[in-house]
Amino acid sequence: MSVPLYQLPEQQPSVWQPTSVEEAMQLKHQWGDNSVLISGGTWLRTRWENGLSSTPQHLISLGRIPALSGLTIDAQGHVHIGPACCLSDLMDNELMRQRCGLLVQACSEIAAPSVRNLASIGGNVVTRTGDLIPVLLVMNAQVGWSDGQKERILPLKEWLESRLLTSDEMMTKIVVRASGQVAAKQTEAEQQTNVEPNKVEQLEQDASRTHEFYLKVGRREAFTPSVVTVAGSLRTEADGTIAAIALSAGGGSAVPARFAELEDAVTGKLLSKEVLQTLHKGVSEGFEAVADDYAGVAYRKITAANLIVSECYKAWRKGGGAYAPRS
């Protein structure tokens, strides 16, 4: 069992440094609500400083658990990200750059560099409102949880919708597929010694018809909390038909979510002005925005719709739709 790393002055928490998930959960069960699991601690610190939550008696650091800071890829092309990985490390990692470019872009737009050197991807997700969540939803991310004995894997979407606090579990991994068809092509080339030329050509064509995006609107240009954050991926067939689409939005205190029904409604349809109008209406009506002192619900809804449709318009224009005769 761990011993306190050091004892801070009276009314300050003790800091513990377990070396395994099992040990961390033993400490969590021992101290209960008087303790908190902590990695970078950037989000928790703001809550303590602003009086939104009280400082616990015990901080259980996850920094010495190797399994929580790993970054690997499996045979199926899934990238396994340790929740304690800080954002700056993910941005600098070549594997992430090649296979999860959209997630790397999102990391680069979180707070300031000094914060990204501490803030972890797991901490961003655990808040349920983090700006990385829209991207992870578009990437169909799964999240691993452990009670110290058994691990279970849940789709991120399911965990967000369940609204479970999971106070008796800790996050152990985030699993995503490599984003974009270019990454899929790289994966297949690695798995096969002789990739059929026509298959490679098909994957390259798919890549050219795939449009991914991440956009964050804040109250100033940089280093600001988001008002609205959107992410998406759109792939079209050669004739402009929508082959696959994934859209999500969040921002502020809103729990990010996918627009599943809207995605189903437009999949298989020709990307057109009418479809863009359907997307705008669907996002503005379906986004469950939350108002605060800086922006109301209506503003956030229309902003999310405008951002998403502007990106889908780029895909339409890329396919020649913007130059079609007006009806």
C-alpha atoms as a PDB file:
ATOM      1  CA  MET A   1       0.000   0.000   0.000  1.00  0.00           C
ATOM      2  CA  SER A   2       1.201   3.516  -0.767  1.00  0.00           C
ATOM      3  CA  VAL A   3       2.288   5.993   1.875  1.00  0.00           C
ATOM      4  CA  PRO A   4       1.689   9.742   1.576  1.00  0.00           C
ATOM      5  CA  LEU A   5       4.223  11.426  -0.699  1.00  0.00           C
ATOM      6  CA  TYR A   6       4.108  14.407   1.605  1.00  0.00           C
ATOM      7  CA  GLN A   7       1.790  15.920   4.162  1.00  0.00           C
ATOM      8  CA  LEU A   8       0.762  19.485   3.447  1.00  0.00           C
ATOM      9  CA  PRO A   9      -0.084  21.973   6.205  1.00  0.00           C
ATOM     10  CA  GLU A  10      -3.322  21.740   8.123  1.00  0.00           C
ATOM     11  CA  GLN A  11      -6.470  21.883   5.996  1.00  0.00           C
ATOM     12  CA  GLN A  12      -4.475  20.893   2.906  1.00  0.00           C
ATOM     13  CA  PRO A  13      -4.826  17.443   1.256  1.00  0.00           C
ATOM     14  CA  SER A  14      -2.413  14.562   1.523  1.00  0.00           C
ATOM     15  CA  VAL A  15      -0.997  13.392  -1.800  1.00  0.00           C
ATOM     16  CA  TRP A  16      -0.741   9.675  -2.586  1.00  0.00           C
ATOM     17  CA  GLN A  17       1.096   8.095  -5.526  1.00  0.00           C
ATOM     18  CA  PRO A  18      -0.078   4.533  -6.263  1.00  0.00           C
ATOM     19  CA  THR A  19       1.726   2.532  -8.929  1.00  0.00           C
ATOM     20  CA  SER A  20      -1.196   0.482 -10.246  1.00  0.00           C
ATOM     21  CA  VAL A  21      -4.878   0.827 -11.030  1.00  0.00           C
ATOM     22  CA  GLU A  22      -5.679  -1.700  -8.313  1.00  0.00           C
ATOM     23  CA  GLU A  23      -3.787   0.301  -5.691  1.00  0.00           C
ATOM     24  CA  ALA A  24      -5.378   3.569  -6.785  1.00  0.00           C
ATOM     25  CA  MET A  25      -8.859   2.101  -6.417  1.00  0.00           C
ATOM     26  CA  GLN A  26      -7.991   0.653  -3.020  1.00  0.00           C
ATOM     27  CA  LEU A  27      -7.103   4.150  -1.871  1.00  0.00           C
ATOM     28  CA  LYS A  28     -10.244   5.565  -3.448  1.00  0.00           C
ATOM     29  CA  HIS A  29     -12.417   2.989  -1.678  1.00  0.00           C
ATOM     30  CA  GLN A  30     -10.585   3.647   1.568  1.00  0.00           C
ATOM     31  CA  TRP A  31     -10.997   7.417   1.542  1.00  0.00           C
ATOM     32  CA  GLY A  32     -14.303   7.603  -0.373  1.00  0.00           C
ATOM     33  CA  ASP A  33     -15.752  11.066  -0.848  1.00  0.00           C
ATOM     34  CA  ASN A  34     -12.828  12.576   1.049  1.00  0.00           C
ATOM     35  CA  SER A  35     -10.527  11.800  -1.889  1.00  0.00           C
ATOM     36  CA  VAL A  36     -10.235  12.481  -5.595  1.00  0.00           C
ATOM     37  CA  LEU A  37      -8.299  10.813  -8.407  1.00  0.00           C
ATOM     38  CA  ILE A  38      -6.122  13.399 -10.108  1.00  0.00           C
ATOM     39  CA  SER A  39      -3.856  13.589 -13.140  1.00  0.00           C
ATOM     40  CA  GLY A  40      -3.028  17.104 -14.364  1.00  0.00           C
ATOM     41  CA  GLY A  41      -5.590  18.682 -12.047  1.00  0.00           C
ATOM     42  CA  THR A  42      -6.169  21.777 -14.193  1.00  0.00           C
ATOM     43  CA  TRP A  43      -9.969  21.483 -14.203  1.00  0.00           C
ATOM     44  CA  LEU A  44     -10.188  20.487 -10.534  1.00  0.00           C
ATOM     45  CA  ARG A  45      -8.016  23.417  -9.527  1.00  0.00           C
ATOM     46  CA  THR A  46     -10.355  25.925 -11.159  1.00  0.00           C
ATOM     47  CA  ARG A  47     -13.307  24.409  -9.331  1.00  0.00           C
ATOM     48  CA  TRP A  48     -11.532  24.627  -5.976  1.00  0.00           C
ATOM     49  CA  GLU A  49     -10.365  28.170  -6.610  1.00  0.00           C
ATOM     50  CA  ASN A  50     -13.845  29.297  -7.664  1.00  0.00           C
ATOM     51  CA  GLY A  51     -15.553  27.599  -4.738  1.00  0.00           C
ATOM     52  CA  LEU A  52     -17.510  25.216  -6.959  1.00  0.00           C
ATOM     53  CA  SER A  53     -16.287  22.243  -4.947  1.00  0.00           C
ATOM     54  CA  SER A  54     -14.328  21.809  -1.743  1.00  0.00           C
ATOM     55  CA  THR A  55     -10.721  20.656  -1.656  1.00  0.00           C
ATOM     56  CA  PRO A  56     -10.637  16.964  -0.644  1.00  0.00           C
ATOM     57  CA  GLN A  57      -8.546  15.598   2.194  1.00  0.00           C
ATOM     58  CA  HIS A  58      -6.678  13.202  -0.102  1.00  0.00           C
ATOM     59  CA  LEU A  59      -5.357  13.550  -3.651  1.00  0.00           C
ATOM     60  CA  ILE A  60      -4.661  10.242  -5.395  1.00  0.00           C
ATOM     61  CA  SER A  61      -2.180  10.987  -8.167  1.00  0.00           C
ATOM     62  CA  LEU A  62      -2.228   8.807 -11.289  1.00  0.00           C
ATOM     63  CA  GLY A  63       1.166   9.957 -12.539  1.00  0.00           C
ATOM     64  CA  ARG A  64       3.083   6.818 -11.543  1.00  0.00           C
ATOM     65  CA  ILE A  65       0.748   4.282 -13.166  1.00  0.00           C
ATOM     66  CA  PRO A  66       2.423   3.373 -16.498  1.00  0.00           C
ATOM     67  CA  ALA A  67      -0.718   1.774 -17.947  1.00  0.00           C
ATOM     68  CA  LEU A  68      -2.539   5.119 -17.775  1.00  0.00           C
ATOM     69  CA  SER A  69       0.067   7.012 -19.793  1.00  0.00           C
ATOM     70  CA  GLY A  70       0.601   4.543 -22.638  1.00  0.00           C
ATOM     71  CA  LEU A  71      -0.162   5.037 -26.325  1.00  0.00           C
ATOM     72  CA  THR A  72      -0.474   1.973 -28.561  1.00  0.00           C
ATOM     73  CA  ILE A  73      -2.231   0.685 -31.669  1.00  0.00           C
ATOM     74  CA  ASP A  74      -3.749  -2.775 -32.006  1.00  0.00           C
ATOM     75  CA  ALA A  75      -4.037  -5.111 -34.987  1.00  0.00           C
ATOM     76  CA  GLN A  76      -7.454  -3.719 -35.912  1.00  0.00           C
ATOM     77  CA  GLY A  77      -6.098  -0.190 -36.226  1.00  0.00           C
ATOM     78  CA  HIS A  78      -7.567   1.073 -32.951  1.00  0.00           C
ATOM     79  CA  VAL A  79      -5.470   3.605 -31.074  1.00  0.00           C
ATOM     80  CA  HIS A  80      -5.395   3.048 -27.301  1.00  0.00           C
ATOM     81  CA  ILE A  81      -4.761   6.293 -25.424  1.00  0.00           C
ATOM     82  CA  GLY A  82      -3.925   6.345 -21.732  1.00  0.00           C
ATOM     83  CA  PRO A  83      -6.218   8.821 -19.952  1.00  0.00           C
ATOM     84  CA  ALA A  84      -3.273  10.363 -18.080  1.00  0.00           C
ATOM     85  CA  CYS A  85      -1.565  11.399 -21.340  1.00  0.00           C
ATOM     86  CA  CYS A  86      -1.217  15.172 -21.331  1.00  0.00           C
ATOM     87  CA  LEU A  87      -2.447  17.106 -24.354  1.00  0.00           C
ATOM     88  CA  SER A  88       0.975  18.422 -25.354  1.00  0.00           C
ATOM     89  CA  ASP A  89       2.387  14.883 -25.496  1.00  0.00           C
ATOM     90  CA  LEU A  90      -0.473  13.782 -27.747  1.00  0.00           C
ATOM     91  CA  MET A  91       0.186  16.751 -30.025  1.00  0.00           C
ATOM     92  CA  ASP A  92       3.874  15.847 -30.336  1.00  0.00           C
ATOM     93  CA  ASN A  93       3.353  12.119 -30.869  1.00  0.00           C
ATOM     94  CA  GLU A  94       3.939  10.926 -34.440  1.00  0.00           C
ATOM     95  CA  LEU A  95       1.404   8.085 -34.140  1.00  0.00           C
ATOM     96  CA  MET A  96      -1.265  10.578 -33.130  1.00  0.00           C
ATOM     97  CA  ARG A  97      -0.331  12.971 -35.913  1.00  0.00           C
ATOM     98  CA  GLN A  98      -0.599  10.253 -38.539  1.00  0.00           C
ATOM     99  CA  ARG A  99      -3.739   8.506 -37.345  1.00  0.00           C
ATOM    100  CA  CYS A 100      -5.682  10.960 -35.187  1.00  0.00           C
ATOM    101  CA  GLY A 101      -5.025  14.298 -36.830  1.00  0.00           C
ATOM    102  CA  LEU A 102      -8.426  15.743 -35.959  1.00  0.00           C
ATOM    103  CA  LEU A 103      -7.933  14.926 -32.279  1.00  0.00           C
ATOM    104  CA  VAL A 104      -4.469  16.492 -32.365  1.00  0.00           C
ATOM    105  CA  GLN A 105      -5.984  19.649 -33.839  1.00  0.00           C
ATOM    106  CA  ALA A 106      -8.557  19.754 -31.059  1.00  0.00           C
ATOM    107  CA  CYS A 107      -5.833  19.348 -28.413  1.00  0.00           C
ATOM    108  CA  SER A 108      -3.974  22.324 -29.896  1.00  0.00           C
ATOM    109  CA  GLU A 109      -7.000  24.563 -29.306  1.00  0.00           C
ATOM    110  CA  ILE A 110      -7.420  23.706 -25.615  1.00  0.00           C
ATOM    111  CA  ALA A 111      -6.327  26.512 -23.285  1.00  0.00           C
ATOM    112  CA  ALA A 112      -2.709  27.769 -23.288  1.00  0.00           C
ATOM    113  CA  PRO A 113       0.518  25.756 -23.817  1.00  0.00           C
ATOM    114  CA  SER A 114       1.295  25.776 -20.097  1.00  0.00           C
ATOM    115  CA  VAL A 115      -2.100  24.194 -19.383  1.00  0.00           C
ATOM    116  CA  ARG A 116      -1.728  21.627 -22.165  1.00  0.00           C
ATOM    117  CA  ASN A 117       1.547  20.514 -20.556  1.00  0.00           C
ATOM    118  CA  LEU A 118      -0.481  19.428 -17.507  1.00  0.00           C
ATOM    119  CA  ALA A 119      -4.042  18.787 -18.653  1.00  0.00           C
ATOM    120  CA  SER A 120      -4.831  15.157 -19.507  1.00  0.00           C
ATOM    121  CA  ILE A 121      -7.184  13.783 -22.135  1.00  0.00           C
ATOM    122  CA  GLY A 122      -8.936  11.689 -19.476  1.00  0.00           C
ATOM    123  CA  GLY A 123      -9.540  14.729 -17.312  1.00  0.00           C
ATOM    124  CA  ASN A 124     -11.086  16.548 -20.261  1.00  0.00           C
ATOM    125  CA  VAL A 125     -13.486  13.658 -20.863  1.00  0.00           C
ATOM    126  CA  VAL A 126     -14.380  13.089 -17.199  1.00  0.00           C
ATOM    127  CA  THR A 127     -15.740  16.634 -16.959  1.00  0.00           C
ATOM    128  CA  ARG A 128     -18.458  15.546 -19.460  1.00  0.00           C
ATOM    129  CA  THR A 129     -18.247  18.985 -21.078  1.00  0.00           C
ATOM    130  CA  GLY A 130     -14.661  18.961 -22.375  1.00  0.00           C
ATOM    131  CA  ASP A 131     -13.868  20.387 -25.799  1.00  0.00           C
ATOM    132  CA  LEU A 132     -12.255  17.117 -26.914  1.00  0.00           C
ATOM    133  CA  ILE A 133     -15.484  15.171 -26.511  1.00  0.00           C
ATOM    134  CA  PRO A 134     -17.120  16.271 -29.809  1.00  0.00           C
ATOM    135  CA  VAL A 135     -14.107  14.931 -31.735  1.00  0.00           C
ATOM    136  CA  LEU A 136     -14.035  11.709 -29.757  1.00  0.00           C
ATOM    137  CA  LEU A 137     -17.748  11.200 -30.417  1.00  0.00           C
ATOM    138  CA  VAL A 138     -17.201  11.625 -34.149  1.00  0.00           C
ATOM    139  CA  MET A 139     -14.387   9.067 -33.910  1.00  0.00           C
ATOM    140  CA  ASN A 140     -16.772   6.626 -32.155  1.00  0.00           C
ATOM    141  CA  ALA A 141     -14.510   6.514 -29.115  1.00  0.00           C
ATOM    142  CA  GLN A 142     -14.840   3.893 -26.420  1.00  0.00           C
ATOM    143  CA  VAL A 143     -13.812   4.368 -22.804  1.00  0.00           C
ATOM    144  CA  GLY A 144     -12.398   1.764 -20.434  1.00  0.00           C
ATOM    145  CA  TRP A 145     -13.382   1.780 -16.746  1.00  0.00           C
ATOM    146  CA  SER A 146     -12.046  -0.306 -13.861  1.00  0.00           C
ATOM    147  CA  ASP A 147     -13.154  -0.851 -10.280  1.00  0.00           C
ATOM    148  CA  GLY A 148      -9.702  -2.152  -9.443  1.00  0.00           C
ATOM    149  CA  GLN A 149     -10.568  -5.760 -10.271  1.00  0.00           C
ATOM    150  CA  LYS A 150     -12.493  -5.836 -13.541  1.00  0.00           C
ATOM    151  CA  GLU A 151     -12.427  -3.586 -16.561  1.00  0.00           C
ATOM    152  CA  ARG A 152     -15.369  -2.792 -18.815  1.00  0.00           C
ATOM    153  CA  ILE A 153     -15.478  -0.922 -22.125  1.00  0.00           C
ATOM    154  CA  LEU A 154     -18.314   1.470 -22.942  1.00  0.00           C
ATOM    155  CA  PRO A 155     -18.948   3.615 -26.007  1.00  0.00           C
ATOM    156  CA  LEU A 156     -18.298   7.217 -25.004  1.00  0.00           C
ATOM    157  CA  LYS A 157     -21.735   8.122 -26.317  1.00  0.00           C
ATOM    158  CA  GLU A 158     -23.373   5.563 -24.020  1.00  0.00           C
ATOM    159  CA  TRP A 159     -21.426   6.742 -20.979  1.00  0.00           C
ATOM    160  CA  LEU A 160     -22.390  10.371 -21.584  1.00  0.00           C
ATOM    161  CA  GLU A 161     -26.039   9.496 -22.053  1.00  0.00           C
ATOM    162  CA  SER A 162     -26.144   7.286 -18.950  1.00  0.00           C
ATOM    163  CA  ARG A 163     -25.047  10.213 -16.764  1.00  0.00           C
ATOM    164  CA  LEU A 164     -23.458   7.696 -14.397  1.00  0.00           C
ATOM    165  CA  LEU A 165     -20.987   9.232 -11.989  1.00  0.00           C
ATOM    166  CA  THR A 166     -18.847   6.056 -11.969  1.00  0.00           C
ATOM    167  CA  SER A 167     -17.446   7.113  -8.582  1.00  0.00           C
ATOM    168  CA  ASP A 168     -16.482   3.487  -7.892  1.00  0.00           C
ATOM    169  CA  GLU A 169     -14.488   3.229 -11.117  1.00  0.00           C
ATOM    170  CA  MET A 170     -11.625   5.006 -12.785  1.00  0.00           C
ATOM    171  CA  MET A 171     -10.944   5.577 -16.464  1.00  0.00           C
ATOM    172  CA  THR A 172      -8.249   3.273 -17.819  1.00  0.00           C
ATOM    173  CA  LYS A 173      -8.189   3.952 -21.557  1.00  0.00           C
ATOM    174  CA  ILE A 174      -9.732   5.793 -24.470  1.00  0.00           C
ATOM    175  CA  VAL A 175      -9.965   3.750 -27.674  1.00  0.00           C
ATOM    176  CA  VAL A 176     -10.489   5.355 -31.084  1.00  0.00           C
ATOM    177  CA  ARG A 177     -10.240   4.340 -34.697  1.00  0.00           C
ATOM    178  CA  ALA A 178      -7.729   6.206 -36.802  1.00  0.00           C
ATOM    179  CA  SER A 179      -9.547   9.165 -38.323  1.00  0.00           C
ATOM    180  CA  GLY A 180      -9.832   9.638 -42.057  1.00  0.00           C
ATOM    181  CA  GLN A 181      -9.518   7.221 -44.950  1.00  0.00           C
ATOM    182  CA  VAL A 182      -5.824   8.049 -45.344  1.00  0.00           C
ATOM    183  CA  ALA A 183      -5.189   6.426 -41.970  1.00  0.00           C
ATOM    184  CA  ALA A 184      -7.295   3.448 -43.026  1.00  0.00           C
ATOM    185  CA  LYS A 185      -5.148   3.078 -46.122  1.00  0.00           C
ATOM    186  CA  GLN A 186      -1.986   3.176 -44.006  1.00  0.00           C
ATOM    187  CA  THR A 187      -3.388   0.505 -41.695  1.00  0.00           C
ATOM    188  CA  GLU A 188      -4.260  -1.837 -44.540  1.00  0.00           C
ATOM    189  CA  ALA A 189      -0.863  -1.353 -46.154  1.00  0.00           C
ATOM    190  CA  GLU A 190       0.792  -2.323 -42.890  1.00  0.00           C
ATOM    191  CA  GLN A 191      -1.360  -5.424 -42.432  1.00  0.00           C
ATOM    192  CA  GLN A 192      -0.818  -6.784 -45.935  1.00  0.00           C
ATOM    193  CA  THR A 193       2.493  -7.364 -47.667  1.00  0.00           C
ATOM    194  CA  ASN A 194       0.876  -7.229 -51.103  1.00  0.00           C
ATOM    195  CA  VAL A 195      -1.998  -4.770 -51.174  1.00  0.00           C
ATOM    196  CA  GLU A 196      -3.996  -4.953 -54.396  1.00  0.00           C
ATOM    197  CA  PRO A 197      -3.353  -1.812 -56.473  1.00  0.00           C
ATOM    198  CA  ASN A 198      -7.055  -1.275 -57.151  1.00  0.00           C
ATOM    199  CA  LYS A 199      -7.774  -1.471 -53.399  1.00  0.00           C
ATOM    200  CA  VAL A 200      -5.177   1.183 -52.613  1.00  0.00           C
ATOM    201  CA  GLU A 201      -6.569   3.366 -55.383  1.00  0.00           C
ATOM    202  CA  GLN A 202     -10.075   3.001 -53.954  1.00  0.00           C
ATOM    203  CA  LEU A 203      -8.898   4.007 -50.481  1.00  0.00           C
ATOM    204  CA  GLU A 204      -7.105   7.034 -51.927  1.00  0.00           C
ATOM    205  CA  GLN A 205     -10.293   8.065 -53.712  1.00  0.00           C
ATOM    206  CA  ASP A 206     -12.252   7.678 -50.469  1.00  0.00           C
ATOM    207  CA  ALA A 207      -9.699   9.900 -48.731  1.00  0.00           C
ATOM    208  CA  SER A 208     -10.135  12.618 -51.346  1.00  0.00           C
ATOM    209  CA  ARG A 209     -13.905  12.579 -50.736  1.00  0.00           C
ATOM    210  CA  THR A 210     -13.647  12.744 -46.943  1.00  0.00           C
ATOM    211  CA  HIS A 211     -13.976  16.055 -45.149  1.00  0.00           C
ATOM    212  CA  GLU A 212     -13.247  16.317 -41.404  1.00  0.00           C
ATOM    213  CA  PHE A 213     -13.480  19.383 -39.227  1.00  0.00           C
ATOM    214  CA  TYR A 214     -13.183  20.733 -35.701  1.00  0.00           C
ATOM    215  CA  LEU A 215     -14.235  24.269 -34.846  1.00  0.00           C
ATOM    216  CA  LYS A 216     -14.309  26.072 -31.534  1.00  0.00           C
ATOM    217  CA  VAL A 217     -15.897  29.471 -30.912  1.00  0.00           C
ATOM    218  CA  GLY A 218     -14.847  31.367 -27.809  1.00  0.00           C
ATOM    219  CA  ARG A 219     -15.169  34.861 -26.405  1.00  0.00           C
ATOM    220  CA  ARG A 220     -11.737  35.772 -27.736  1.00  0.00           C
ATOM    221  CA  GLU A 221      -9.373  34.356 -30.350  1.00  0.00           C
ATOM    222  CA  ALA A 222      -7.312  32.059 -28.125  1.00  0.00           C
ATOM    223  CA  PHE A 223      -6.898  30.661 -24.599  1.00  0.00           C
ATOM    224  CA  THR A 224     -10.612  30.894 -23.901  1.00  0.00           C
ATOM    225  CA  PRO A 225     -13.410  28.568 -22.775  1.00  0.00           C
ATOM    226  CA  SER A 226     -15.661  27.539 -25.626  1.00  0.00           C
ATOM    227  CA  VAL A 227     -19.079  28.957 -26.342  1.00  0.00           C
ATOM    228  CA  VAL A 228     -19.698  26.352 -29.049  1.00  0.00           C
ATOM    229  CA  THR A 229     -17.520  23.449 -30.197  1.00  0.00           C
ATOM    230  CA  VAL A 230     -18.381  21.281 -33.202  1.00  0.00           C
ATOM    231  CA  ALA A 231     -16.747  18.352 -34.973  1.00  0.00           C
ATOM    232  CA  GLY A 232     -17.676  16.264 -37.949  1.00  0.00           C
ATOM    233  CA  SER A 233     -16.694  13.839 -40.669  1.00  0.00           C
ATOM    234  CA  LEU A 234     -18.404  13.629 -44.058  1.00  0.00           C
ATOM    235  CA  ARG A 235     -17.625  11.162 -46.843  1.00  0.00           C
ATOM    236  CA  THR A 236     -19.326  11.237 -50.218  1.00  0.00           C
ATOM    237  CA  GLU A 237     -19.504   8.835 -53.131  1.00  0.00           C
ATOM    238  CA  ALA A 238     -18.216   9.810 -56.556  1.00  0.00           C
ATOM    239  CA  ASP A 239     -21.694  11.080 -57.523  1.00  0.00           C
ATOM    240  CA  GLY A 240     -21.991  13.266 -54.417  1.00  0.00           C
ATOM    241  CA  THR A 241     -24.163  10.885 -52.389  1.00  0.00           C
ATOM    242  CA  ILE A 242     -23.463  10.989 -48.652  1.00  0.00           C
ATOM    243  CA  ALA A 243     -21.826   7.647 -47.831  1.00  0.00           C
ATOM    244  CA  ALA A 244     -21.132   8.382 -44.160  1.00  0.00           C
ATOM    245  CA  ILE A 245     -21.589  11.342 -41.868  1.00  0.00           C
ATOM    246  CA  ALA A 246     -20.891  11.990 -38.185  1.00  0.00           C
ATOM    247  CA  LEU A 247     -21.684  15.299 -36.489  1.00  0.00           C
ATOM    248  CA  SER A 248     -21.439  16.465 -32.883  1.00  0.00           C
ATOM    249  CA  ALA A 249     -21.651  19.687 -30.895  1.00  0.00           C
ATOM    250  CA  GLY A 250     -20.928  20.901 -27.398  1.00  0.00           C
ATOM    251  CA  GLY A 251     -19.533  23.943 -25.667  1.00  0.00           C
ATOM    252  CA  GLY A 252     -19.895  25.711 -22.353  1.00  0.00           C
ATOM    253  CA  SER A 253     -21.826  23.621 -19.853  1.00  0.00           C
ATOM    254  CA  ALA A 254     -23.538  21.499 -22.502  1.00  0.00           C
ATOM    255  CA  VAL A 255     -22.822  17.767 -22.587  1.00  0.00           C
ATOM    256  CA  PRO A 256     -21.641  17.136 -26.183  1.00  0.00           C
ATOM    257  CA  ALA A 257     -23.732  14.752 -28.270  1.00  0.00           C
ATOM    258  CA  ARG A 258     -24.015  13.289 -31.743  1.00  0.00           C
ATOM    259  CA  PHE A 259     -26.934  14.071 -34.063  1.00  0.00           C
ATOM    260  CA  ALA A 260     -27.732  10.413 -34.722  1.00  0.00           C
ATOM    261  CA  GLU A 261     -31.233  10.824 -36.164  1.00  0.00           C
ATOM    262  CA  LEU A 262     -30.117  13.665 -38.409  1.00  0.00           C
ATOM    263  CA  GLU A 263     -27.158  11.633 -39.651  1.00  0.00           C
ATOM    264  CA  ASP A 264     -29.454   8.725 -40.523  1.00  0.00           C
ATOM    265  CA  ALA A 265     -31.864  11.049 -42.294  1.00  0.00           C
ATOM    266  CA  VAL A 266     -29.279  12.412 -44.738  1.00  0.00           C
ATOM    267  CA  THR A 267     -27.107   9.325 -45.284  1.00  0.00           C
ATOM    268  CA  GLY A 268     -27.651   7.974 -48.775  1.00  0.00           C
ATOM    269  CA  LYS A 269     -28.942  11.299 -50.065  1.00  0.00           C
ATOM    270  CA  LEU A 270     -27.247  13.483 -52.624  1.00  0.00           C
ATOM    271  CA  LEU A 271     -25.384  16.316 -50.907  1.00  0.00           C
ATOM    272  CA  SER A 272     -27.338  19.334 -52.086  1.00  0.00           C
ATOM    273  CA  LYS A 273     -28.705  22.698 -51.039  1.00  0.00           C
ATOM    274  CA  GLU A 274     -31.811  20.990 -49.691  1.00  0.00           C
ATOM    275  CA  VAL A 275     -29.728  18.596 -47.583  1.00  0.00           C
ATOM    276  CA  LEU A 276     -27.673  21.511 -46.238  1.00  0.00           C
ATOM    277  CA  GLN A 277     -30.922  23.193 -45.209  1.00  0.00           C
ATOM    278  CA  THR A 278     -32.027  19.972 -43.514  1.00  0.00           C
ATOM    279  CA  LEU A 279     -28.730  19.814 -41.631  1.00  0.00           C
ATOM    280  CA  HIS A 280     -29.027  23.428 -40.489  1.00  0.00           C
ATOM    281  CA  LYS A 281     -32.524  22.932 -39.173  1.00  0.00           C
ATOM    282  CA  GLY A 282     -31.657  19.600 -37.557  1.00  0.00           C
ATOM    283  CA  VAL A 283     -28.610  20.934 -35.714  1.00  0.00           C
ATOM    284  CA  SER A 284     -30.270  24.145 -34.550  1.00  0.00           C
ATOM    285  CA  GLU A 285     -33.257  22.217 -33.210  1.00  0.00           C
ATOM    286  CA  GLY A 286     -31.385  19.194 -31.880  1.00  0.00           C
ATOM    287  CA  PHE A 287     -28.438  20.813 -30.098  1.00  0.00           C
ATOM    288  CA  GLU A 288     -29.148  20.804 -26.356  1.00  0.00           C
ATOM    289  CA  ALA A 289     -27.291  24.020 -25.569  1.00  0.00           C
ATOM    290  CA  VAL A 290     -27.015  25.501 -22.085  1.00  0.00           C
ATOM    291  CA  ALA A 291     -27.142  29.250 -21.443  1.00  0.00           C
ATOM    292  CA  ASP A 292     -24.772  31.168 -19.178  1.00  0.00           C
ATOM    293  CA  ASP A 293     -23.908  34.820 -18.490  1.00  0.00           C
ATOM    294  CA  TYR A 294     -22.098  35.127 -21.827  1.00  0.00           C
ATOM    295  CA  ALA A 295     -24.368  33.467 -24.383  1.00  0.00           C
ATOM    296  CA  GLY A 296     -27.960  32.261 -24.551  1.00  0.00           C
ATOM    297  CA  VAL A 297     -29.379  29.023 -25.893  1.00  0.00           C
ATOM    298  CA  ALA A 298     -30.617  30.510 -29.176  1.00  0.00           C
ATOM    299  CA  TYR A 299     -27.206  31.984 -30.000  1.00  0.00           C
ATOM    300  CA  ARG A 300     -25.426  28.721 -29.296  1.00  0.00           C
ATOM    301  CA  LYS A 301     -27.897  26.712 -31.375  1.00  0.00           C
ATOM    302  CA  ILE A 302     -27.645  28.928 -34.439  1.00  0.00           C
ATOM    303  CA  THR A 303     -23.858  29.155 -34.116  1.00  0.00           C
ATOM    304  CA  ALA A 304     -23.490  25.373 -33.991  1.00  0.00           C
ATOM    305  CA  ALA A 305     -25.763  25.009 -37.046  1.00  0.00           C
ATOM    306  CA  ASN A 306     -23.861  27.669 -38.983  1.00  0.00           C
ATOM    307  CA  LEU A 307     -20.479  26.119 -38.214  1.00  0.00           C
ATOM    308  CA  ILE A 308     -21.488  22.589 -39.185  1.00  0.00           C
ATOM    309  CA  VAL A 309     -23.305  23.559 -42.367  1.00  0.00           C
ATOM    310  CA  SER A 310     -20.439  25.825 -43.474  1.00  0.00           C
ATOM    311  CA  GLU A 311     -18.126  22.807 -43.332  1.00  0.00           C
ATOM    312  CA  CYS A 312     -20.605  20.556 -45.128  1.00  0.00           C
ATOM    313  CA  TYR A 313     -20.910  23.278 -47.752  1.00  0.00           C
ATOM    314  CA  LYS A 314     -17.151  23.056 -48.297  1.00  0.00           C
ATOM    315  CA  ALA A 315     -17.532  19.343 -49.003  1.00  0.00           C
ATOM    316  CA  TRP A 316     -20.409  20.096 -51.386  1.00  0.00           C
ATOM    317  CA  ARG A 317     -18.359  22.745 -53.162  1.00  0.00           C
ATOM    318  CA  LYS A 318     -15.394  20.388 -53.389  1.00  0.00           C
ATOM    319  CA  GLY A 319     -17.646  17.959 -55.257  1.00  0.00           C
ATOM    320  CA  GLY A 320     -18.782  20.629 -57.698  1.00  0.00           C
ATOM    321  CA  GLY A 321     -22.118  21.366 -56.055  1.00  0.00           C
ATOM    322  CA  ALA A 322     -21.393  25.032 -55.558  1.00  0.00           C
ATOM    323  CA  TYR A 323     -21.100  25.517 -59.313  1.00  0.00           C
ATOM    324  CA  ALA A 324     -24.291  23.702 -60.248  1.00  0.00           C
ATOM    325  CA  PRO A 325     -27.001  25.847 -61.892  1.00  0.00           C
ATOM    326  CA  ARG A 326     -29.429  27.413 -59.444  1.00  0.00           C
ATOM    327  CA  SER A 327     -32.916  25.931 -59.600  1.00  0.00           C
END
